[in-house]
PDB file of N, CA and C in Angstrom:
ATOM      1  N   UNK A   1     -42.424-131.885 -32.513  1.00  0.00           N
ATOM      2  CA  UNK A   1     -42.577-133.215 -32.251  1.00  0.00           C
ATOM      3  C   UNK A   1     -44.051-133.817 -31.301  1.00  0.00           C
ATOM      4  N   UNK A   2     -44.601-134.289 -32.233  1.00  0.00           N
ATOM      5  CA  UNK A   2     -45.984-135.223 -31.695  1.00  0.00           C
ATOM      6  C   UNK A   2     -45.825-135.639 -30.454  1.00  0.00           C
ATOM      7  N   UNK A   3     -46.149-135.887 -29.167  1.00  0.00           N
ATOM      8  CA  UNK A   3     -45.989-136.863 -27.591  1.00  0.00           C
ATOM      9  C   UNK A   3     -47.119-137.335 -27.613  1.00  0.00           C
ATOM     10  N   UNK A   4     -46.998-138.720 -27.215  1.00  0.00           N
ATOM     11  CA  UNK A   4     -47.912-139.520 -27.167  1.00  0.00           C
ATOM     12  C   UNK A   4     -49.046-139.231 -25.510  1.00  0.00           C
ATOM     13  N   UNK A   5     -48.815-138.008 -25.224  1.00  0.00           N
ATOM     14  CA  UNK A   5     -50.094-138.121 -24.140  1.00  0.00           C
ATOM     15  C   UNK A   5     -50.482-136.360 -24.417  1.00  0.00           C
ATOM     16  N   UNK A   6     -51.042-135.924 -23.756  1.00  0.00           N
ATOM     17  CA  UNK A   6     -51.615-134.951 -23.841  1.00  0.00           C
ATOM     18  C   UNK A   6     -50.916-134.254 -22.483  1.00  0.00           C
ATOM     19  N   UNK A   7     -51.644-134.660 -21.316  1.00  0.00           N
ATOM     20  CA  UNK A   7     -50.756-133.901 -20.159  1.00  0.00           C
ATOM     21  C   UNK A   7     -50.921-135.422 -18.970  1.00  0.00           C
ATOM     22  N   UNK A   8     -49.919-134.320 -18.115  1.00  0.00           N
ATOM     23  CA  UNK A   8     -49.353-134.759 -17.076  1.00  0.00           C
ATOM     24  C   UNK A   8     -49.649-134.108 -15.787  1.00  0.00           C
ATOM     25  N   UNK A   9     -51.058-134.847 -14.952  1.00  0.00           N
ATOM     26  CA  UNK A   9     -51.172-134.237 -13.611  1.00  0.00           C
ATOM     27  C   UNK A   9     -50.527-134.859 -12.526  1.00  0.00           C
ATOM     28  N   UNK A  10     -49.982-133.619 -11.846  1.00  0.00           N
ATOM     29  CA  UNK A  10     -49.569-134.457 -10.441  1.00  0.00           C
ATOM     30  C   UNK A  10     -50.582-133.972  -9.338  1.00  0.00           C
ATOM     31  N   UNK A  11     -50.928-135.314  -8.652  1.00  0.00           N
ATOM     32  CA  UNK A  11     -51.642-135.249  -7.614  1.00  0.00           C
ATOM     33  C   UNK A  11     -51.081-134.903  -5.939  1.00  0.00           C
ATOM     34  N   UNK A  12     -51.502-134.355  -5.227  1.00  0.00           N
ATOM     35  CA  UNK A  12     -51.264-134.565  -3.759  1.00  0.00           C
ATOM     36  C   UNK A  12     -50.363-135.338  -3.132  1.00  0.00           C
ATOM     37  N   UNK A  13     -49.434-134.881  -2.556  1.00  0.00           N
ATOM     38  CA  UNK A  13     -48.231-136.120  -2.074  1.00  0.00           C
ATOM     39  C   UNK A  13     -49.099-137.336  -1.045  1.00  0.00           C
ATOM     40  N   UNK A  14     -48.977-138.261  -1.407  1.00  0.00           N
ATOM     41  CA  UNK A  14     -49.953-139.298  -0.502  1.00  0.00           C
ATOM     42  C   UNK A  14     -48.927-139.822   0.588  1.00  0.00           C
ATOM     43  N   UNK A  15     -49.774-140.360   1.820  1.00  0.00           N
ATOM     44  CA  UNK A  15     -48.839-140.306   3.117  1.00  0.00           C
ATOM     45  C   UNK A  15     -49.133-141.978   3.719  1.00  0.00           C
ATOM     46  N   UNK A  16     -48.700-142.875   3.475  1.00  0.00           N
ATOM     47  CA  UNK A  16     -49.547-144.396   4.129  1.00  0.00           C
ATOM     48  C   UNK A  16     -48.597-144.803   4.996  1.00  0.00           C
ATOM     49  N   UNK A  17     -49.202-145.407   5.747  1.00  0.00           N
ATOM     50  CA  UNK A  17     -48.057-146.154   7.040  1.00  0.00           C
ATOM     51  C   UNK A  17     -47.476-147.823   6.615  1.00  0.00           C
ATOM     52  N   UNK A  18     -46.106-147.544   6.856  1.00  0.00           N
ATOM     53  CA  UNK A  18     -45.798-148.644   5.816  1.00  0.00           C
ATOM     54  C   UNK A  18     -45.124-149.794   7.114  1.00  0.00           C
ATOM     55  N   UNK A  19     -44.923-149.130   8.617  1.00  0.00           N
ATOM     56  CA  UNK A  19     -44.551-150.210   9.335  1.00  0.00           C
ATOM     57  C   UNK A  19     -45.050-149.770  11.112  1.00  0.00           C
ATOM     58  N   UNK A  20     -45.399-150.314  11.707  1.00  0.00           N
ATOM     59  CA  UNK A  20     -45.776-150.221  12.972  1.00  0.00           C
ATOM     60  C   UNK A  20     -44.338-150.745  13.779  1.00  0.00           C
ATOM     61  N   UNK A  21     -44.003-149.836  15.327  1.00  0.00           N
ATOM     62  CA  UNK A  21     -42.798-150.004  15.497  1.00  0.00           C
ATOM     63  C   UNK A  21     -43.061-149.719  17.102  1.00  0.00           C
ATOM     64  N   UNK A  22     -43.113-151.258  17.706  1.00  0.00           N
ATOM     65  CA  UNK A  22     -43.823-151.287  18.905  1.00  0.00           C
ATOM     66  C   UNK A  22     -45.075-151.323  18.843  1.00  0.00           C
ATOM     67  N   UNK A  23     -45.629-150.825  20.023  1.00  0.00           N
ATOM     68  CA  UNK A  23     -47.376-150.493  20.115  1.00  0.00           C
ATOM     69  C   UNK A  23     -47.762-149.155  19.898  1.00  0.00           C
ATOM     70  N   UNK A  24     -46.815-148.300  19.488  1.00  0.00           N
ATOM     71  CA  UNK A  24     -46.844-146.564  19.620  1.00  0.00           C
ATOM     72  C   UNK A  24     -46.542-146.195  17.900  1.00  0.00           C
ATOM     73  N   UNK A  25     -45.279-146.341  18.142  1.00  0.00           N
ATOM     74  CA  UNK A  25     -44.403-145.568  16.529  1.00  0.00           C
ATOM     75  C   UNK A  25     -44.901-146.101  15.433  1.00  0.00           C
ATOM     76  N   UNK A  26     -45.374-145.549  14.258  1.00  0.00           N
ATOM     77  CA  UNK A  26     -45.515-145.673  13.102  1.00  0.00           C
ATOM     78  C   UNK A  26     -44.883-144.955  12.024  1.00  0.00           C
ATOM     79  N   UNK A  27     -44.071-145.922  11.210  1.00  0.00           N
ATOM     80  CA  UNK A  27     -43.299-145.341  10.205  1.00  0.00           C
ATOM     81  C   UNK A  27     -44.201-144.913   9.302  1.00  0.00           C
ATOM     82  N   UNK A  28     -44.120-143.937   8.356  1.00  0.00           N
ATOM     83  CA  UNK A  28     -44.974-143.566   7.165  1.00  0.00           C
ATOM     84  C   UNK A  28     -44.029-143.378   5.812  1.00  0.00           C
ATOM     85  N   UNK A  29     -44.314-143.707   5.113  1.00  0.00           N
ATOM     86  CA  UNK A  29     -43.673-143.380   3.460  1.00  0.00           C
ATOM     87  C   UNK A  29     -44.896-142.532   2.556  1.00  0.00           C
ATOM     88  N   UNK A  30     -43.622-141.671   1.993  1.00  0.00           N
ATOM     89  CA  UNK A  30     -44.947-140.521   1.061  1.00  0.00           C
ATOM     90  C   UNK A  30     -44.368-140.383  -0.099  1.00  0.00           C
ATOM     91  N   UNK A  31     -45.629-140.685  -0.553  1.00  0.00           N
ATOM     92  CA  UNK A  31     -45.290-140.890  -2.605  1.00  0.00           C
ATOM     93  C   UNK A  31     -45.832-139.900  -3.195  1.00  0.00           C
ATOM     94  N   UNK A  32     -45.141-139.356  -3.980  1.00  0.00           N
ATOM     95  CA  UNK A  32     -45.406-138.595  -5.489  1.00  0.00           C
ATOM     96  C   UNK A  32     -46.498-139.173  -6.174  1.00  0.00           C
ATOM     97  N   UNK A  33     -47.632-138.628  -6.624  1.00  0.00           N
ATOM     98  CA  UNK A  33     -48.318-139.450  -7.594  1.00  0.00           C
ATOM     99  C   UNK A  33     -48.720-138.372  -8.373  1.00  0.00           C
ATOM    100  N   UNK A  34     -48.949-139.056  -9.748  1.00  0.00           N
ATOM    101  CA  UNK A  34     -48.935-138.311 -11.403  1.00  0.00           C
ATOM    102  C   UNK A  34     -50.341-138.931 -11.789  1.00  0.00           C
ATOM    103  N   UNK A  35     -50.784-138.384 -12.838  1.00  0.00           N
ATOM    104  CA  UNK A  35     -51.517-138.908 -13.477  1.00  0.00           C
ATOM    105  C   UNK A  35     -51.162-138.673 -15.113  1.00  0.00           C
ATOM    106  N   UNK A  36     -51.318-139.664 -16.207  1.00  0.00           N
ATOM    107  CA  UNK A  36     -50.972-139.457 -17.369  1.00  0.00           C
ATOM    108  C   UNK A  36     -52.048-139.532 -18.340  1.00  0.00           C
ATOM    109  N   UNK A  37     -52.475-138.287 -18.959  1.00  0.00           N
ATOM    110  CA  UNK A  37     -53.808-138.355 -20.018  1.00  0.00           C
ATOM    111  C   UNK A  37     -53.317-138.794 -21.064  1.00  0.00           C
ATOM    112  N   UNK A  38     -53.708-139.899 -21.722  1.00  0.00           N
ATOM    113  CA  UNK A  38     -53.637-140.009 -23.234  1.00  0.00           C
ATOM    114  C   UNK A  38     -54.015-139.888 -24.033  1.00  0.00           C
ATOM    115  N   UNK A  39     -53.651-139.652 -25.081  1.00  0.00           N
ATOM    116  CA  UNK A  39     -54.034-138.944 -26.474  1.00  0.00           C
ATOM    117  C   UNK A  39     -54.237-140.635 -27.646  1.00  0.00           C
ATOM    118  N   UNK A  40     -55.367-141.006 -27.442  1.00  0.00           N
ATOM    119  CA  UNK A  40     -55.622-142.262 -28.537  1.00  0.00           C
ATOM    120  C   UNK A  40     -54.534-143.068 -27.483  1.00  0.00           C
ATOM    121  N   UNK A  41     -54.587-144.329 -28.597  1.00  0.00           N
ATOM    122  CA  UNK A  41     -54.168-145.359 -28.251  1.00  0.00           C
ATOM    123  C   UNK A  41     -52.550-145.721 -28.346  1.00  0.00           C
ATOM    124  N   UNK A  42     -51.619-145.819 -27.311  1.00  0.00           N
ATOM    125  CA  UNK A  42     -50.217-145.508 -27.358  1.00  0.00           C
ATOM    126  C   UNK A  42     -49.623-147.319 -27.748  1.00  0.00           C
ATOM    127  N   UNK A  43     -50.567-147.996 -27.904  1.00  0.00           N
ATOM    128  CA  UNK A  43     -49.876-149.349 -28.168  1.00  0.00           C
ATOM    129  C   UNK A  43     -50.273-150.061 -29.951  1.00  0.00           C
ATOM    130  N   UNK A  44     -49.158-150.146 -30.713  1.00  0.00           N
ATOM    131  CA  UNK A  44     -48.817-150.295 -32.161  1.00  0.00           C
ATOM    132  C   UNK A  44     -50.690-151.644 -32.091  1.00  0.00           C
ATOM    133  N   UNK A  45     -51.100-151.504 -33.292  1.00  0.00           N
ATOM    134  CA  UNK A  45     -52.198-152.212 -33.704  1.00  0.00           C
ATOM    135  C   UNK A  45     -51.380-154.159 -34.139  1.00  0.00           C
ATOM    136  N   UNK A  46     -52.603-155.280 -33.380  1.00  0.00           N
ATOM    137  CA  UNK A  46     -51.971-156.687 -33.226  1.00  0.00           C
ATOM    138  C   UNK A  46     -52.834-156.810 -34.884  1.00  0.00           C
ATOM    139  N   UNK A  47     -53.434-156.135 -35.948  1.00  0.00           N
ATOM    140  CA  UNK A  47     -53.798-156.267 -37.268  1.00  0.00           C
ATOM    141  C   UNK A  47     -52.606-156.971 -37.394  1.00  0.00           C
ATOM    142  N   UNK A  48     -51.498-156.731 -38.611  1.00  0.00           N
ATOM    143  CA  UNK A  48     -50.753-157.365 -39.053  1.00  0.00           C
ATOM    144  C   UNK A  48     -50.401-158.628 -38.762  1.00  0.00           C
ATOM    145  N   UNK A  49     -50.374-158.660 -37.338  1.00  0.00           N
ATOM    146  CA  UNK A  49     -49.458-160.063 -36.637  1.00  0.00           C
ATOM    147  C   UNK A  49     -50.890-161.214 -36.795  1.00  0.00           C
ATOM    148  N   UNK A  50     -52.062-160.591 -36.598  1.00  0.00           N
ATOM    149  CA  UNK A  50     -53.100-161.764 -36.612  1.00  0.00           C
ATOM    150  C   UNK A  50     -53.387-162.006 -38.160  1.00  0.00           C
ATOM    151  N   UNK A  51     -53.089-161.014 -38.965  1.00  0.00           N
ATOM    152  CA  UNK A  51     -53.409-161.336 -40.773  1.00  0.00           C
ATOM    153  C   UNK A  51     -51.984-162.488 -40.893  1.00  0.00           C
ATOM    154  N   UNK A  52     -50.839-162.069 -40.093  1.00  0.00           N
ATOM    155  CA  UNK A  52     -50.072-163.485 -40.476  1.00  0.00           C
ATOM    156  C   UNK A  52     -50.223-164.508 -39.637  1.00  0.00           C
ATOM    157  N   UNK A  53     -50.468-164.844 -38.725  1.00  0.00           N
ATOM    158  CA  UNK A  53     -51.416-165.977 -38.063  1.00  0.00           C
ATOM    159  C   UNK A  53     -52.166-166.894 -38.613  1.00  0.00           C
ATOM    160  N   UNK A  54     -53.371-166.271 -39.446  1.00  0.00           N
ATOM    161  CA  UNK A  54     -54.074-166.530 -40.134  1.00  0.00           C
ATOM    162  C   UNK A  54     -53.260-167.740 -41.364  1.00  0.00           C
ATOM    163  N   UNK A  55     -52.907-166.492 -41.813  1.00  0.00           N
ATOM    164  CA  UNK A  55     -52.011-167.366 -43.078  1.00  0.00           C
ATOM    165  C   UNK A  55     -50.801-168.592 -42.633  1.00  0.00           C
ATOM    166  N   UNK A  56     -50.220-168.519 -41.729  1.00  0.00           N
ATOM    167  CA  UNK A  56     -49.577-169.354 -41.131  1.00  0.00           C
ATOM    168  C   UNK A  56     -50.033-170.546 -40.879  1.00  0.00           C
ATOM    169  N   UNK A  57     -51.692-170.525 -39.979  1.00  0.00           N
ATOM    170  CA  UNK A  57     -52.996-171.202 -39.809  1.00  0.00           C
ATOM    171  C   UNK A  57     -52.768-172.344 -40.959  1.00  0.00           C
ATOM    172  N   UNK A  58     -53.221-171.373 -42.082  1.00  0.00           N
ATOM    173  CA  UNK A  58     -53.930-172.417 -43.335  1.00  0.00           C
ATOM    174  C   UNK A  58     -52.525-172.960 -43.862  1.00  0.00           C
ATOM    175  N   UNK A  59     -51.278-172.489 -43.966  1.00  0.00           N
ATOM    176  CA  UNK A  59     -50.599-173.260 -44.342  1.00  0.00           C
ATOM    177  C   UNK A  59     -49.994-174.254 -43.614  1.00  0.00           C
ATOM    178  N   UNK A  60     -49.907-174.575 -42.614  1.00  0.00           N
ATOM    179  CA  UNK A  60     -50.026-175.776 -41.694  1.00  0.00           C
ATOM    180  C   UNK A  60     -51.276-177.000 -41.878  1.00  0.00           C
ATOM    181  N   UNK A  61     -52.564-176.611 -41.765  1.00  0.00           N
ATOM    182  CA  UNK A  61     -53.493-177.159 -42.475  1.00  0.00           C
ATOM    183  C   UNK A  61     -53.335-177.774 -43.852  1.00  0.00           C
ATOM    184  N   UNK A  62     -52.620-177.044 -44.279  1.00  0.00           N
ATOM    185  CA  UNK A  62     -52.745-177.025 -45.887  1.00  0.00           C
ATOM    186  C   UNK A  62     -51.751-178.410 -45.997  1.00  0.00           C
ATOM    187  N   UNK A  63     -50.648-178.120 -45.604  1.00  0.00           N
ATOM    188  CA  UNK A  63     -49.438-179.422 -45.143  1.00  0.00           C
ATOM    189  C   UNK A  63     -49.710-180.437 -44.248  1.00  0.00           C
ATOM    190  N   UNK A  64     -50.587-180.461 -43.504  1.00  0.00           N
ATOM    191  CA  UNK A  64     -51.236-181.883 -42.794  1.00  0.00           C
ATOM    192  C   UNK A  64     -52.280-182.244 -43.961  1.00  0.00           C
ATOM    193  N   UNK A  65     -52.863-181.654 -44.514  1.00  0.00           N
ATOM    194  CA  UNK A  65     -53.864-182.710 -45.969  1.00  0.00           C
ATOM    195  C   UNK A  65     -52.804-183.200 -46.525  1.00  0.00           C
ATOM    196  N   UNK A  66     -51.890-182.610 -46.848  1.00  0.00           N
ATOM    197  CA  UNK A  66     -51.041-183.035 -48.066  1.00  0.00           C
ATOM    198  C   UNK A  66     -50.120-184.336 -47.405  1.00  0.00           C
ATOM    199  N   UNK A  67     -49.467-184.524 -46.391  1.00  0.00           N
ATOM    200  CA  UNK A  67     -49.344-185.239 -45.688  1.00  0.00           C
ATOM    201  C   UNK A  67     -50.181-186.610 -45.646  1.00  0.00           C
ATOM    202  N   UNK A  68     -51.730-186.264 -45.375  1.00  0.00           N
ATOM    203  CA  UNK A  68     -52.024-187.280 -44.790  1.00  0.00           C
ATOM    204  C   UNK A  68     -52.497-188.310 -46.408  1.00  0.00           C
ATOM    205  N   UNK A  69     -52.634-187.711 -47.553  1.00  0.00           N
ATOM    206  CA  UNK A  69     -52.660-188.144 -48.695  1.00  0.00           C
ATOM    207  C   UNK A  69     -51.811-189.248 -49.531  1.00  0.00           C
TER     208      UNK A  69
END
């Protein structure tokens, strides 16, 4: 089975301050971070939709021209 990615890399856990409690205590959140290395374009091509849009625009213009005559 061909997968849409080449590699997944796990980065070191990131620790960020979430909120300060009073003047002293700081609450920390820890996040696991990963990077996904994509192989090629994961999104489908929009060319067929663009071709269909142009065809529909031509039909609309032709109908409007014939309605004005």
